[in-house]
C-alpha atoms as a PDB file:
ATOM      1  CA  UNK A   1       5.830   4.766  -1.748  1.00  0.00           C
ATOM      2  CA  UNK A   2       3.050   4.245  -4.205  1.00  0.00           C
ATOM      3  CA  UNK A   3       1.298   7.623  -4.007  1.00  0.00           C
ATOM      4  CA  UNK A   4       4.148   9.649  -2.557  1.00  0.00           C
ATOM      5  CA  UNK A   5       2.873  10.004   0.996  1.00  0.00           C
ATOM      6  CA  UNK A   6       4.022   8.487   4.260  1.00  0.00           C
ATOM      7  CA  UNK A   7       1.257   6.501   5.934  1.00  0.00           C
ATOM      8  CA  UNK A   8       1.273   5.372   9.546  1.00  0.00           C
ATOM      9  CA  UNK A   9      -0.248   1.911   9.898  1.00  0.00           C
ATOM     10  CA  UNK A  10      -2.573   3.006  12.713  1.00  0.00           C
ATOM     11  CA  UNK A  11      -4.067   5.711  10.485  1.00  0.00           C
ATOM     12  CA  UNK A  12      -4.183   3.791   7.193  1.00  0.00           C
ATOM     13  CA  UNK A  13      -7.694   3.129   5.895  1.00  0.00           C
ATOM     14  CA  UNK A  14      -6.412   0.585   3.339  1.00  0.00           C
ATOM     15  CA  UNK A  15      -4.015  -2.352   3.616  1.00  0.00           C
ATOM     16  CA  UNK A  16      -2.973  -5.452   1.714  1.00  0.00           C
ATOM     17  CA  UNK A  17      -0.544  -8.329   2.123  1.00  0.00           C
ATOM     18  CA  UNK A  18       2.251  -9.334  -0.229  1.00  0.00           C
ATOM     19  CA  UNK A  19       4.866 -12.034   0.380  1.00  0.00           C
ATOM     20  CA  UNK A  20       4.067 -12.143   4.091  1.00  0.00           C
ATOM     21  CA  UNK A  21       4.336  -8.366   4.586  1.00  0.00           C
ATOM     22  CA  UNK A  22       1.486  -5.961   5.270  1.00  0.00           C
ATOM     23  CA  UNK A  23       1.445  -2.734   3.261  1.00  0.00           C
ATOM     24  CA  UNK A  24      -0.620   0.295   4.278  1.00  0.00           C
ATOM     25  CA  UNK A  25      -2.209   2.936   2.069  1.00  0.00           C
ATOM     26  CA  UNK A  26      -4.032   6.227   2.496  1.00  0.00           C
ATOM     27  CA  UNK A  27      -6.342   5.707  -0.496  1.00  0.00           C
ATOM     28  CA  UNK A  28      -7.994   2.875  -2.392  1.00  0.00           C
ATOM     29  CA  UNK A  29      -6.346   4.052  -5.622  1.00  0.00           C
ATOM     30  CA  UNK A  30      -2.901   3.621  -4.054  1.00  0.00           C
ATOM     31  CA  UNK A  31      -3.726   0.134  -2.804  1.00  0.00           C
ATOM     32  CA  UNK A  32      -5.031  -0.873  -6.236  1.00  0.00           C
ATOM     33  CA  UNK A  33      -1.907   0.484  -7.966  1.00  0.00           C
ATOM     34  CA  UNK A  34       0.239  -1.594  -5.608  1.00  0.00           C
ATOM     35  CA  UNK A  35      -1.873  -4.713  -6.163  1.00  0.00           C
ATOM     36  CA  UNK A  36      -1.635  -4.290  -9.952  1.00  0.00           C
ATOM     37  CA  UNK A  37       2.192  -4.423  -9.833  1.00  0.00           C
ATOM     38  CA  UNK A  38       3.513  -5.154  -6.318  1.00  0.00           C
ATOM     39  CA  UNK A  39       7.035  -5.956  -7.514  1.00  0.00           C
ATOM     40  CA  UNK A  40       7.434  -2.350  -8.651  1.00  0.00           C
ATOM     41  CA  UNK A  41       6.895  -1.110  -5.089  1.00  0.00           C
ATOM     42  CA  UNK A  42       7.815  -3.943  -2.698  1.00  0.00           C
END
């Protein structure tokens, strides 16, 4: 978890792909943190 919350993919306003997987986020800030260092979270 990037921001410490569970996010259901149907409710997630943000998403990104990394190594063929889709990751879902509840806020833009969380998505950007993941994209800055995906290996820390993936």
